[in-house]
Amino acid sequence: MSFPRESWYVAATLDELGDGLVARRILDVPVVLYRLADGSVAALEDRCVHRPYPLSAGHRDGDRVVCGYHGCTYDPDGTCVLVPSQDNPPLGARVRAFPVHLSGPFVWVWMGTPGGSRLRPPPATPELEPRSGWSSTGGRRDVAAGFMLLHEHYLDLTNVFEMHAAMVPPGIEALPPLEEVEISEVSVSYVRELPPAPLAPWEAAASGLDTDEAFGRRETGAFVTPGLHRQTYTILDAEGPTFELVRLHGFTPLTRRSTRVFLQLAWRGSAVAPDADLRLGETFHAMSDRDTTVIETMQRCLDEDEAPRRYVNVKADRAAVRARRIVQSMIEEERGL
């Protein structure tokens, strides 16, 4: 097992689900998703109970799914209700149905123990809710790397000077060390304050703020759950926050070495540029391109190593190391170790 199953993961965004069947691979399990007549979403294991054929290759009959091989038909709860070649389906014939939760644009799916979803609610993303006062935009991409490499990468932004120098505010030559790292049983977060500095070009373009002024910044990062990473970036004037940006990453393991990333940006401010969605989308899409190249390269290096290497940690890794320990502990608990 390379990822915890007792957690919620983003399976899709609502705009991906139309009238048809959508195939996904989540935690190395095939899943088929579809919208029901009442607007909710069903998630079933994407295999017919009769033969190893994907239900997503079949078709819908109202809220039911019909296998495209022999016509076995399933209710949204996974029960096989019809086998055309006989009067009644075999007793107990069913595929697994996974709990689903809709929140903002995200379709969350629980892949863990049946019934366990009631004990661990999905993480909150209030900035993405309608009428929240925030604007947002999003995208998704597949990364050929394990999900923990992504979490660790975004828990240490000291790489920004080497990888994303154009995003650093003028005059900031180093990030303050992580003196405050908050740790719970299942999450890790940090806060970092930056000294006043002029606006970087991307900040000025998105925020609409005066480029002649100097502003402070507050940056936070959080391993919220194995399936969600949260970052905030706040530009501050003398009276407090004047531009706030939240970057939410849904990290959904497809396999041990591949991850689907659901990125949502949300922002608000006192003088936000009217085209902030385009400005921020362009900036963070380019940033994600560079991040993806580095993360996929690290995964290839790990795969190429004939024997496990021991890599050293530095002070900036404090949050990342803690997050890895939490994930390892969750996996061991699920294994009964």
C-alpha atoms as a PDB file:
ATOM      1  CA  MET A   1       0.000   0.000   0.000  1.00  0.00           C
ATOM      2  CA  SER A   2       1.478   3.329  -1.080  1.00  0.00           C
ATOM      3  CA  PHE A   3      -1.322   5.675  -0.028  1.00  0.00           C
ATOM      4  CA  PRO A   4      -3.901   5.852   2.767  1.00  0.00           C
ATOM      5  CA  ARG A   5      -7.360   4.685   1.759  1.00  0.00           C
ATOM      6  CA  GLU A   6      -9.134   6.033   4.851  1.00  0.00           C
ATOM      7  CA  SER A   7      -9.362   9.534   3.398  1.00  0.00           C
ATOM      8  CA  TRP A   8     -11.414  11.586   0.951  1.00  0.00           C
ATOM      9  CA  TYR A   9      -9.976  12.248  -2.512  1.00  0.00           C
ATOM     10  CA  VAL A  10     -11.155  14.445  -5.371  1.00  0.00           C
ATOM     11  CA  ALA A  11     -12.452  12.173  -8.128  1.00  0.00           C
ATOM     12  CA  ALA A  12     -13.527  14.894 -10.564  1.00  0.00           C
ATOM     13  CA  THR A  13     -14.906  18.390 -10.815  1.00  0.00           C
ATOM     14  CA  LEU A  14     -18.611  18.827 -11.453  1.00  0.00           C
ATOM     15  CA  ASP A  15     -18.007  20.326 -14.876  1.00  0.00           C
ATOM     16  CA  GLU A  16     -16.479  17.009 -15.982  1.00  0.00           C
ATOM     17  CA  LEU A  17     -19.720  15.131 -15.353  1.00  0.00           C
ATOM     18  CA  GLY A  18     -22.320  15.523 -18.079  1.00  0.00           C
ATOM     19  CA  ASP A  19     -24.955  12.998 -19.126  1.00  0.00           C
ATOM     20  CA  GLY A  20     -22.551  10.127 -19.729  1.00  0.00           C
ATOM     21  CA  LEU A  21     -20.290   7.816 -17.755  1.00  0.00           C
ATOM     22  CA  VAL A  22     -16.866   9.030 -16.629  1.00  0.00           C
ATOM     23  CA  ALA A  23     -14.080   6.517 -15.993  1.00  0.00           C
ATOM     24  CA  ARG A  24     -11.452   7.232 -13.364  1.00  0.00           C
ATOM     25  CA  ARG A  25      -8.632   5.395 -11.640  1.00  0.00           C
ATOM     26  CA  ILE A  26      -8.366   6.312  -7.951  1.00  0.00           C
ATOM     27  CA  LEU A  27      -5.896   4.645  -5.583  1.00  0.00           C
ATOM     28  CA  ASP A  28      -5.302   2.064  -8.332  1.00  0.00           C
ATOM     29  CA  VAL A  29      -9.022   1.151  -8.359  1.00  0.00           C
ATOM     30  CA  PRO A  30     -11.193   1.625 -11.488  1.00  0.00           C
ATOM     31  CA  VAL A  31     -14.209   3.835 -10.739  1.00  0.00           C
ATOM     32  CA  VAL A  32     -17.106   5.023 -12.888  1.00  0.00           C
ATOM     33  CA  LEU A  33     -18.875   8.299 -12.029  1.00  0.00           C
ATOM     34  CA  TYR A  34     -22.162   9.730 -13.272  1.00  0.00           C
ATOM     35  CA  ARG A  35     -24.752  12.349 -12.354  1.00  0.00           C
ATOM     36  CA  LEU A  36     -28.163  11.215 -11.109  1.00  0.00           C
ATOM     37  CA  ALA A  37     -31.463  12.854 -11.968  1.00  0.00           C
ATOM     38  CA  ASP A  38     -31.558  14.654  -8.600  1.00  0.00           C
ATOM     39  CA  GLY A  39     -28.121  16.246  -9.190  1.00  0.00           C
ATOM     40  CA  SER A  40     -26.148  13.946  -6.902  1.00  0.00           C
ATOM     41  CA  VAL A  41     -23.283  11.762  -8.135  1.00  0.00           C
ATOM     42  CA  ALA A  42     -22.884   7.989  -8.041  1.00  0.00           C
ATOM     43  CA  ALA A  43     -19.476   6.283  -7.926  1.00  0.00           C
ATOM     44  CA  LEU A  44     -19.233   2.541  -8.623  1.00  0.00           C
ATOM     45  CA  GLU A  45     -16.350   0.164  -9.082  1.00  0.00           C
ATOM     46  CA  ASP A  46     -15.811   0.131 -12.828  1.00  0.00           C
ATOM     47  CA  ARG A  47     -16.086  -3.627 -13.352  1.00  0.00           C
ATOM     48  CA  CYS A  48     -19.123  -5.740 -14.153  1.00  0.00           C
ATOM     49  CA  VAL A  49     -19.801  -8.361 -11.477  1.00  0.00           C
ATOM     50  CA  HIS A  50     -20.326 -10.970 -14.229  1.00  0.00           C
ATOM     51  CA  ARG A  51     -17.118 -10.617 -16.265  1.00  0.00           C
ATOM     52  CA  PRO A  52     -14.082  -8.278 -16.140  1.00  0.00           C
ATOM     53  CA  TYR A  53     -15.543  -5.566 -18.369  1.00  0.00           C
ATOM     54  CA  PRO A  54     -15.707  -1.847 -17.482  1.00  0.00           C
ATOM     55  CA  LEU A  55     -19.159  -0.473 -16.736  1.00  0.00           C
ATOM     56  CA  SER A  56     -17.960   2.851 -18.143  1.00  0.00           C
ATOM     57  CA  ALA A  57     -17.891   1.178 -21.568  1.00  0.00           C
ATOM     58  CA  GLY A  58     -21.649   0.594 -21.291  1.00  0.00           C
ATOM     59  CA  HIS A  59     -24.485   3.107 -21.196  1.00  0.00           C
ATOM     60  CA  ARG A  60     -27.025   4.677 -18.890  1.00  0.00           C
ATOM     61  CA  ASP A  61     -30.673   3.796 -18.491  1.00  0.00           C
ATOM     62  CA  GLY A  62     -31.940   6.675 -16.373  1.00  0.00           C
ATOM     63  CA  ASP A  63     -30.107   6.420 -13.043  1.00  0.00           C
ATOM     64  CA  ARG A  64     -28.971   2.878 -13.811  1.00  0.00           C
ATOM     65  CA  VAL A  65     -25.812   1.663 -15.575  1.00  0.00           C
ATOM     66  CA  VAL A  66     -26.021  -1.061 -18.222  1.00  0.00           C
ATOM     67  CA  CYS A  67     -22.918  -3.134 -18.927  1.00  0.00           C
ATOM     68  CA  GLY A  68     -21.979  -3.072 -22.604  1.00  0.00           C
ATOM     69  CA  TYR A  69     -21.055  -6.779 -22.652  1.00  0.00           C
ATOM     70  CA  HIS A  70     -24.121  -8.799 -21.577  1.00  0.00           C
ATOM     71  CA  GLY A  71     -26.447  -6.017 -20.429  1.00  0.00           C
ATOM     72  CA  CYS A  72     -26.204  -6.578 -16.666  1.00  0.00           C
ATOM     73  CA  THR A  73     -27.837  -3.531 -15.099  1.00  0.00           C
ATOM     74  CA  TYR A  74     -26.956  -1.768 -11.838  1.00  0.00           C
ATOM     75  CA  ASP A  75     -28.649   0.646  -9.476  1.00  0.00           C
ATOM     76  CA  PRO A  76     -26.625   3.625  -8.140  1.00  0.00           C
ATOM     77  CA  ASP A  77     -25.970   1.653  -4.931  1.00  0.00           C
ATOM     78  CA  GLY A  78     -24.148  -1.028  -6.958  1.00  0.00           C
ATOM     79  CA  THR A  79     -26.892  -3.674  -6.821  1.00  0.00           C
ATOM     80  CA  CYS A  80     -27.262  -5.759  -9.969  1.00  0.00           C
ATOM     81  CA  VAL A  81     -31.001  -5.552 -10.717  1.00  0.00           C
ATOM     82  CA  LEU A  82     -31.168  -7.186 -14.146  1.00  0.00           C
ATOM     83  CA  VAL A  83     -29.438  -9.989 -16.051  1.00  0.00           C
ATOM     84  CA  PRO A  84     -31.185 -10.182 -19.458  1.00  0.00           C
ATOM     85  CA  SER A  85     -30.426 -13.897 -19.950  1.00  0.00           C
ATOM     86  CA  GLN A  86     -32.346 -15.002 -16.836  1.00  0.00           C
ATOM     87  CA  ASP A  87     -35.347 -14.061 -14.741  1.00  0.00           C
ATOM     88  CA  ASN A  88     -33.454 -12.805 -11.668  1.00  0.00           C
ATOM     89  CA  PRO A  89     -29.881 -11.706 -11.014  1.00  0.00           C
ATOM     90  CA  PRO A  90     -27.733 -13.947  -8.780  1.00  0.00           C
ATOM     91  CA  LEU A  91     -28.364 -13.384  -5.086  1.00  0.00           C
ATOM     92  CA  GLY A  92     -26.006 -10.769  -3.688  1.00  0.00           C
ATOM     93  CA  ALA A  93     -24.636  -9.742  -7.095  1.00  0.00           C
ATOM     94  CA  ARG A  94     -23.340  -6.191  -6.736  1.00  0.00           C
ATOM     95  CA  VAL A  95     -20.350  -3.968  -7.294  1.00  0.00           C
ATOM     96  CA  ARG A  96     -18.975  -1.651  -4.668  1.00  0.00           C
ATOM     97  CA  ALA A  97     -20.500   1.812  -4.431  1.00  0.00           C
ATOM     98  CA  PHE A  98     -18.284   4.538  -2.971  1.00  0.00           C
ATOM     99  CA  PRO A  99     -19.569   7.407  -0.803  1.00  0.00           C
ATOM    100  CA  VAL A 100     -19.589  10.745  -2.633  1.00  0.00           C
ATOM    101  CA  HIS A 101     -19.585  14.309  -1.291  1.00  0.00           C
ATOM    102  CA  LEU A 102     -20.097  17.445  -3.402  1.00  0.00           C
ATOM    103  CA  SER A 103     -18.408  20.654  -2.252  1.00  0.00           C
ATOM    104  CA  GLY A 104     -17.947  23.649  -4.543  1.00  0.00           C
ATOM    105  CA  PRO A 105     -16.464  22.330  -7.802  1.00  0.00           C
ATOM    106  CA  PHE A 106     -15.081  19.169  -6.180  1.00  0.00           C
ATOM    107  CA  VAL A 107     -16.554  15.670  -6.308  1.00  0.00           C
ATOM    108  CA  TRP A 108     -15.023  13.897  -3.304  1.00  0.00           C
ATOM    109  CA  VAL A 109     -14.980  10.094  -3.102  1.00  0.00           C
ATOM    110  CA  TRP A 110     -14.280   7.870  -0.084  1.00  0.00           C
ATOM    111  CA  MET A 111     -12.233   4.791  -1.049  1.00  0.00           C
ATOM    112  CA  GLY A 112     -11.743   3.458   2.466  1.00  0.00           C
ATOM    113  CA  THR A 113     -13.633   1.131   4.771  1.00  0.00           C
ATOM    114  CA  PRO A 114     -17.392   1.163   4.112  1.00  0.00           C
ATOM    115  CA  GLY A 115     -18.976   3.264   6.835  1.00  0.00           C
ATOM    116  CA  GLY A 116     -15.682   4.946   7.726  1.00  0.00           C
ATOM    117  CA  SER A 117     -16.593   8.070   5.790  1.00  0.00           C
ATOM    118  CA  ARG A 118     -18.986   9.113   8.586  1.00  0.00           C
ATOM    119  CA  LEU A 119     -16.062   9.391  10.996  1.00  0.00           C
ATOM    120  CA  ARG A 120     -13.919  11.624   8.769  1.00  0.00           C
ATOM    121  CA  PRO A 121     -15.816  14.395   6.958  1.00  0.00           C
ATOM    122  CA  PRO A 122     -14.260  15.814   3.771  1.00  0.00           C
ATOM    123  CA  PRO A 123     -12.005  18.848   4.248  1.00  0.00           C
ATOM    124  CA  ALA A 124     -13.737  22.224   4.045  1.00  0.00           C
ATOM    125  CA  THR A 125     -13.074  24.543   1.090  1.00  0.00           C
ATOM    126  CA  PRO A 126     -15.257  27.569   1.964  1.00  0.00           C
ATOM    127  CA  GLU A 127     -13.579  29.858  -0.599  1.00  0.00           C
ATOM    128  CA  LEU A 128     -14.991  27.725  -3.417  1.00  0.00           C
ATOM    129  CA  GLU A 129     -18.610  27.841  -2.296  1.00  0.00           C
ATOM    130  CA  PRO A 130     -21.133  29.986  -4.217  1.00  0.00           C
ATOM    131  CA  ARG A 131     -21.744  33.433  -2.723  1.00  0.00           C
ATOM    132  CA  SER A 132     -18.596  33.117  -0.610  1.00  0.00           C
ATOM    133  CA  GLY A 133     -17.296  36.527  -1.726  1.00  0.00           C
ATOM    134  CA  TRP A 134     -14.301  34.886  -3.433  1.00  0.00           C
ATOM    135  CA  SER A 135     -13.610  34.568  -7.152  1.00  0.00           C
ATOM    136  CA  SER A 136     -12.052  31.335  -8.376  1.00  0.00           C
ATOM    137  CA  THR A 137     -10.694  29.446 -11.348  1.00  0.00           C
ATOM    138  CA  GLY A 138      -9.249  25.980 -11.711  1.00  0.00           C
ATOM    139  CA  GLY A 139      -7.651  23.293 -13.801  1.00  0.00           C
ATOM    140  CA  ARG A 140      -6.306  19.769 -13.580  1.00  0.00           C
ATOM    141  CA  ARG A 141      -3.307  17.819 -14.781  1.00  0.00           C
ATOM    142  CA  ASP A 142      -1.735  14.396 -14.427  1.00  0.00           C
ATOM    143  CA  VAL A 143       1.731  14.190 -12.906  1.00  0.00           C
ATOM    144  CA  ALA A 144       3.927  11.105 -13.337  1.00  0.00           C
ATOM    145  CA  ALA A 145       4.968  10.992  -9.692  1.00  0.00           C
ATOM    146  CA  GLY A 146       3.747   9.744  -6.336  1.00  0.00           C
ATOM    147  CA  PHE A 147       1.444  12.057  -4.412  1.00  0.00           C
ATOM    148  CA  MET A 148       3.829  12.530  -1.468  1.00  0.00           C
ATOM    149  CA  LEU A 149       6.449  14.115  -3.721  1.00  0.00           C
ATOM    150  CA  LEU A 150       3.811  16.742  -4.540  1.00  0.00           C
ATOM    151  CA  HIS A 151       2.903  17.351  -0.899  1.00  0.00           C
ATOM    152  CA  GLU A 152       6.564  17.657   0.083  1.00  0.00           C
ATOM    153  CA  HIS A 153       7.308  20.000  -2.809  1.00  0.00           C
ATOM    154  CA  TYR A 154       4.588  22.453  -1.826  1.00  0.00           C
ATOM    155  CA  LEU A 155       5.427  22.288   1.882  1.00  0.00           C
ATOM    156  CA  ASP A 156       8.864  23.767   1.124  1.00  0.00           C
ATOM    157  CA  LEU A 157       8.727  26.896  -1.005  1.00  0.00           C
ATOM    158  CA  THR A 158      12.393  27.792  -0.524  1.00  0.00           C
ATOM    159  CA  ASN A 159      12.817  26.497  -4.083  1.00  0.00           C
ATOM    160  CA  VAL A 160      11.057  29.637  -5.334  1.00  0.00           C
ATOM    161  CA  PHE A 161      14.341  31.557  -5.705  1.00  0.00           C
ATOM    162  CA  GLU A 162      15.783  28.917  -7.999  1.00  0.00           C
ATOM    163  CA  MET A 163      12.638  27.816  -9.824  1.00  0.00           C
ATOM    164  CA  HIS A 164      10.330  30.857  -9.817  1.00  0.00           C
ATOM    165  CA  ALA A 165      12.551  33.890  -9.337  1.00  0.00           C
ATOM    166  CA  ALA A 166      10.164  36.201 -11.211  1.00  0.00           C
ATOM    167  CA  MET A 167       7.480  35.597  -8.577  1.00  0.00           C
ATOM    168  CA  VAL A 168       9.617  36.855  -5.672  1.00  0.00           C
ATOM    169  CA  PRO A 169       8.866  40.438  -4.517  1.00  0.00           C
ATOM    170  CA  PRO A 170      11.758  42.827  -5.287  1.00  0.00           C
ATOM    171  CA  GLY A 171      14.295  43.022  -2.470  1.00  0.00           C
ATOM    172  CA  ILE A 172      13.346  39.695  -0.860  1.00  0.00           C
ATOM    173  CA  GLU A 173      16.507  37.607  -1.006  1.00  0.00           C
ATOM    174  CA  ALA A 174      15.551  34.737   1.293  1.00  0.00           C
ATOM    175  CA  LEU A 175      12.444  33.330   2.931  1.00  0.00           C
ATOM    176  CA  PRO A 176      12.369  33.547   6.727  1.00  0.00           C
ATOM    177  CA  PRO A 177      12.925  30.136   8.338  1.00  0.00           C
ATOM    178  CA  LEU A 178       9.970  28.038   9.440  1.00  0.00           C
ATOM    179  CA  GLU A 179       9.981  28.700  13.159  1.00  0.00           C
ATOM    180  CA  GLU A 180       6.268  27.938  13.606  1.00  0.00           C
ATOM    181  CA  VAL A 181       5.071  24.528  12.387  1.00  0.00           C
ATOM    182  CA  GLU A 182       1.737  23.406  13.815  1.00  0.00           C
ATOM    183  CA  ILE A 183       1.160  19.665  13.960  1.00  0.00           C
ATOM    184  CA  SER A 184      -1.934  17.623  14.779  1.00  0.00           C
ATOM    185  CA  GLU A 185      -2.542  13.913  14.542  1.00  0.00           C
ATOM    186  CA  VAL A 186      -3.539  14.166  10.878  1.00  0.00           C
ATOM    187  CA  SER A 187      -2.367  17.579   9.591  1.00  0.00           C
ATOM    188  CA  VAL A 188       0.656  19.877   9.345  1.00  0.00           C
ATOM    189  CA  SER A 189       0.677  23.632   8.746  1.00  0.00           C
ATOM    190  CA  TYR A 190       3.056  26.574   8.910  1.00  0.00           C
ATOM    191  CA  VAL A 191       2.970  30.377   8.794  1.00  0.00           C
ATOM    192  CA  ARG A 192       5.689  32.631   7.400  1.00  0.00           C
ATOM    193  CA  GLU A 193       5.794  36.446   7.501  1.00  0.00           C
ATOM    194  CA  LEU A 194       7.757  38.421   4.902  1.00  0.00           C
ATOM    195  CA  PRO A 195       9.119  41.964   5.395  1.00  0.00           C
ATOM    196  CA  PRO A 196       7.601  44.876   3.418  1.00  0.00           C
ATOM    197  CA  ALA A 197       8.643  44.988  -0.230  1.00  0.00           C
ATOM    198  CA  PRO A 198       7.358  46.383  -3.543  1.00  0.00           C
ATOM    199  CA  LEU A 199       5.001  44.311  -5.643  1.00  0.00           C
ATOM    200  CA  ALA A 200       6.273  41.669  -8.032  1.00  0.00           C
ATOM    201  CA  PRO A 201       4.820  42.105 -11.555  1.00  0.00           C
ATOM    202  CA  TRP A 202       2.358  39.226 -11.125  1.00  0.00           C
ATOM    203  CA  GLU A 203       1.150  40.638  -7.797  1.00  0.00           C
ATOM    204  CA  ALA A 204       0.561  44.076  -9.300  1.00  0.00           C
ATOM    205  CA  ALA A 205      -1.234  42.670 -12.353  1.00  0.00           C
ATOM    206  CA  ALA A 206      -3.669  40.576 -10.300  1.00  0.00           C
ATOM    207  CA  SER A 207      -4.223  42.702  -7.203  1.00  0.00           C
ATOM    208  CA  GLY A 208      -4.637  46.147  -8.774  1.00  0.00           C
ATOM    209  CA  LEU A 209      -2.608  47.635  -5.920  1.00  0.00           C
ATOM    210  CA  ASP A 210      -0.317  50.685  -6.118  1.00  0.00           C
ATOM    211  CA  THR A 211       3.077  49.645  -7.454  1.00  0.00           C
ATOM    212  CA  ASP A 212       4.771  52.560  -5.654  1.00  0.00           C
ATOM    213  CA  GLU A 213       3.964  51.138  -2.220  1.00  0.00           C
ATOM    214  CA  ALA A 214       5.666  48.436  -0.180  1.00  0.00           C
ATOM    215  CA  PHE A 215       3.563  45.645   1.320  1.00  0.00           C
ATOM    216  CA  GLY A 216       4.076  42.845   3.783  1.00  0.00           C
ATOM    217  CA  ARG A 217       3.136  39.264   2.998  1.00  0.00           C
ATOM    218  CA  ARG A 218       1.892  36.342   5.015  1.00  0.00           C
ATOM    219  CA  GLU A 219       2.321  32.884   3.494  1.00  0.00           C
ATOM    220  CA  THR A 220       0.881  29.672   4.895  1.00  0.00           C
ATOM    221  CA  GLY A 221       0.948  26.077   3.781  1.00  0.00           C
ATOM    222  CA  ALA A 222      -0.938  23.067   5.066  1.00  0.00           C
ATOM    223  CA  PHE A 223      -1.043  19.330   4.560  1.00  0.00           C
ATOM    224  CA  VAL A 224      -4.765  19.158   5.305  1.00  0.00           C
ATOM    225  CA  THR A 225      -5.328  15.513   4.397  1.00  0.00           C
ATOM    226  CA  PRO A 226      -3.562  13.071   2.059  1.00  0.00           C
ATOM    227  CA  GLY A 227      -5.962  14.318  -0.630  1.00  0.00           C
ATOM    228  CA  LEU A 228      -5.723  18.086  -0.080  1.00  0.00           C
ATOM    229  CA  HIS A 229      -2.940  20.650   0.173  1.00  0.00           C
ATOM    230  CA  ARG A 230      -3.778  24.275   0.993  1.00  0.00           C
ATOM    231  CA  GLN A 231      -1.661  27.417   0.556  1.00  0.00           C
ATOM    232  CA  THR A 232      -2.572  31.033   1.261  1.00  0.00           C
ATOM    233  CA  TYR A 233      -0.762  34.185   0.199  1.00  0.00           C
ATOM    234  CA  THR A 234      -1.874  37.476   1.742  1.00  0.00           C
ATOM    235  CA  ILE A 235      -0.635  40.942   0.780  1.00  0.00           C
ATOM    236  CA  LEU A 236      -0.904  43.332   3.731  1.00  0.00           C
ATOM    237  CA  ASP A 237      -0.927  47.096   4.074  1.00  0.00           C
ATOM    238  CA  ALA A 238      -0.972  49.113   7.309  1.00  0.00           C
ATOM    239  CA  GLU A 239      -4.626  48.234   7.930  1.00  0.00           C
ATOM    240  CA  GLY A 240      -4.371  44.504   7.263  1.00  0.00           C
ATOM    241  CA  PRO A 241      -5.097  42.160   4.329  1.00  0.00           C
ATOM    242  CA  THR A 242      -5.646  43.965   1.032  1.00  0.00           C
ATOM    243  CA  PHE A 243      -5.310  40.990  -1.359  1.00  0.00           C
ATOM    244  CA  GLU A 244      -5.793  37.324  -0.474  1.00  0.00           C
ATOM    245  CA  LEU A 245      -5.004  34.327  -2.630  1.00  0.00           C
ATOM    246  CA  VAL A 246      -5.790  30.699  -1.753  1.00  0.00           C
ATOM    247  CA  ARG A 247      -4.311  27.848  -3.753  1.00  0.00           C
ATOM    248  CA  LEU A 248      -5.971  24.471  -3.215  1.00  0.00           C
ATOM    249  CA  HIS A 249      -4.430  21.301  -4.602  1.00  0.00           C
ATOM    250  CA  GLY A 250      -6.484  18.133  -4.665  1.00  0.00           C
ATOM    251  CA  PHE A 251      -3.880  15.356  -4.910  1.00  0.00           C
ATOM    252  CA  THR A 252      -5.511  12.102  -6.016  1.00  0.00           C
ATOM    253  CA  PRO A 253      -3.212   9.086  -6.435  1.00  0.00           C
ATOM    254  CA  LEU A 254      -3.972   7.186  -9.616  1.00  0.00           C
ATOM    255  CA  THR A 255      -1.212   4.626  -9.039  1.00  0.00           C
ATOM    256  CA  ARG A 256       1.926   4.485  -6.906  1.00  0.00           C
ATOM    257  CA  ARG A 257       3.749   6.677  -9.433  1.00  0.00           C
ATOM    258  CA  SER A 258       1.032   8.892 -10.888  1.00  0.00           C
ATOM    259  CA  THR A 259      -1.203  11.587  -9.408  1.00  0.00           C
ATOM    260  CA  ARG A 260      -4.069  13.674 -10.732  1.00  0.00           C
ATOM    261  CA  VAL A 261      -3.823  17.251  -9.496  1.00  0.00           C
ATOM    262  CA  PHE A 262      -6.980  19.356  -9.176  1.00  0.00           C
ATOM    263  CA  LEU A 263      -5.883  22.981  -8.752  1.00  0.00           C
ATOM    264  CA  GLN A 264      -8.295  25.700  -7.660  1.00  0.00           C
ATOM    265  CA  LEU A 265      -7.274  29.334  -7.173  1.00  0.00           C
ATOM    266  CA  ALA A 266      -9.503  31.664  -5.131  1.00  0.00           C
ATOM    267  CA  TRP A 267      -8.918  35.353  -4.484  1.00  0.00           C
ATOM    268  CA  ARG A 268     -10.431  38.563  -3.149  1.00  0.00           C
ATOM    269  CA  GLY A 269      -9.128  42.049  -2.474  1.00  0.00           C
ATOM    270  CA  SER A 270      -9.761  45.768  -2.244  1.00  0.00           C
ATOM    271  CA  ALA A 271      -8.792  46.609  -5.844  1.00  0.00           C
ATOM    272  CA  VAL A 272      -8.693  43.332  -7.765  1.00  0.00           C
ATOM    273  CA  ALA A 273      -7.924  43.635 -11.482  1.00  0.00           C
ATOM    274  CA  PRO A 274     -10.937  42.790 -13.697  1.00  0.00           C
ATOM    275  CA  ASP A 275      -8.887  40.179 -15.561  1.00  0.00           C
ATOM    276  CA  ALA A 276      -7.376  38.658 -12.404  1.00  0.00           C
ATOM    277  CA  ASP A 277      -8.610  35.217 -13.425  1.00  0.00           C
ATOM    278  CA  LEU A 278      -6.555  35.348 -16.634  1.00  0.00           C
ATOM    279  CA  ARG A 279      -3.516  36.852 -14.916  1.00  0.00           C
ATOM    280  CA  LEU A 280      -3.479  34.364 -12.060  1.00  0.00           C
ATOM    281  CA  GLY A 281      -4.327  31.429 -14.310  1.00  0.00           C
ATOM    282  CA  GLU A 282      -1.424  32.232 -16.634  1.00  0.00           C
ATOM    283  CA  THR A 283       1.019  32.787 -13.765  1.00  0.00           C
ATOM    284  CA  PHE A 284       0.216  29.634 -11.842  1.00  0.00           C
ATOM    285  CA  HIS A 285      -0.158  27.457 -14.929  1.00  0.00           C
ATOM    286  CA  ALA A 286       3.417  28.351 -15.880  1.00  0.00           C
ATOM    287  CA  MET A 287       4.511  27.763 -12.279  1.00  0.00           C
ATOM    288  CA  SER A 288       2.844  24.352 -12.263  1.00  0.00           C
ATOM    289  CA  ASP A 289       4.581  23.442 -15.533  1.00  0.00           C
ATOM    290  CA  ARG A 290       7.976  24.019 -13.935  1.00  0.00           C
ATOM    291  CA  ASP A 291       6.956  22.260 -10.728  1.00  0.00           C
ATOM    292  CA  THR A 292       5.720  19.243 -12.678  1.00  0.00           C
ATOM    293  CA  THR A 293       9.002  18.925 -14.591  1.00  0.00           C
ATOM    294  CA  VAL A 294      11.019  18.860 -11.363  1.00  0.00           C
ATOM    295  CA  ILE A 295       8.673  16.501  -9.504  1.00  0.00           C
ATOM    296  CA  GLU A 296       8.529  14.019 -12.383  1.00  0.00           C
ATOM    297  CA  THR A 297      12.324  14.126 -12.616  1.00  0.00           C
ATOM    298  CA  MET A 298      12.595  13.251  -8.923  1.00  0.00           C
ATOM    299  CA  GLN A 299      10.254  10.302  -9.429  1.00  0.00           C
ATOM    300  CA  ARG A 300      12.392   9.045 -12.321  1.00  0.00           C
ATOM    301  CA  CYS A 301      15.518   9.337 -10.165  1.00  0.00           C
ATOM    302  CA  LEU A 302      13.847   7.310  -7.409  1.00  0.00           C
ATOM    303  CA  ASP A 303      12.815   4.672  -9.939  1.00  0.00           C
ATOM    304  CA  GLU A 304      16.309   4.503 -11.422  1.00  0.00           C
ATOM    305  CA  ASP A 305      18.127   4.090  -8.100  1.00  0.00           C
ATOM    306  CA  GLU A 306      19.231   0.458  -7.841  1.00  0.00           C
ATOM    307  CA  ALA A 307      19.105   0.667  -4.056  1.00  0.00           C
ATOM    308  CA  PRO A 308      17.276   3.147  -1.804  1.00  0.00           C
ATOM    309  CA  ARG A 309      19.417   6.193  -1.131  1.00  0.00           C
ATOM    310  CA  ARG A 310      19.399   8.146   2.105  1.00  0.00           C
ATOM    311  CA  TYR A 311      18.706  11.791   1.346  1.00  0.00           C
ATOM    312  CA  VAL A 312      19.391  14.377   4.036  1.00  0.00           C
ATOM    313  CA  ASN A 313      16.811  16.814   5.386  1.00  0.00           C
ATOM    314  CA  VAL A 314      17.364  20.512   6.092  1.00  0.00           C
ATOM    315  CA  LYS A 315      15.479  22.940   8.323  1.00  0.00           C
ATOM    316  CA  ALA A 316      13.077  23.927   5.550  1.00  0.00           C
ATOM    317  CA  ASP A 317      11.898  20.292   5.389  1.00  0.00           C
ATOM    318  CA  ARG A 318      10.310  20.323   8.836  1.00  0.00           C
ATOM    319  CA  ALA A 319       6.714  20.443   7.617  1.00  0.00           C
ATOM    320  CA  ALA A 320       7.326  17.954   4.785  1.00  0.00           C
ATOM    321  CA  VAL A 321       8.956  15.415   7.094  1.00  0.00           C
ATOM    322  CA  ARG A 322       6.037  15.629   9.504  1.00  0.00           C
ATOM    323  CA  ALA A 323       3.526  15.133   6.692  1.00  0.00           C
ATOM    324  CA  ARG A 324       5.351  12.026   5.474  1.00  0.00           C
ATOM    325  CA  ARG A 325       5.293  10.601   9.013  1.00  0.00           C
ATOM    326  CA  ILE A 326       1.531  11.159   9.222  1.00  0.00           C
ATOM    327  CA  VAL A 327       0.946   9.366   5.926  1.00  0.00           C
ATOM    328  CA  GLN A 328       3.204   6.485   6.925  1.00  0.00           C
ATOM    329  CA  SER A 329       1.376   6.188  10.245  1.00  0.00           C
ATOM    330  CA  MET A 330      -1.992   6.117   8.460  1.00  0.00           C
ATOM    331  CA  ILE A 331      -0.788   3.379   6.104  1.00  0.00           C
ATOM    332  CA  GLU A 332       0.622   1.309   8.953  1.00  0.00           C
ATOM    333  CA  GLU A 333      -2.622   1.662  10.915  1.00  0.00           C
ATOM    334  CA  GLU A 334      -4.610   0.447   7.908  1.00  0.00           C
ATOM    335  CA  ARG A 335      -2.265  -2.515   7.569  1.00  0.00           C
ATOM    336  CA  GLY A 336      -2.752  -3.333  11.243  1.00  0.00           C
ATOM    337  CA  LEU A 337       0.921  -2.785  12.087  1.00  0.00           C
END
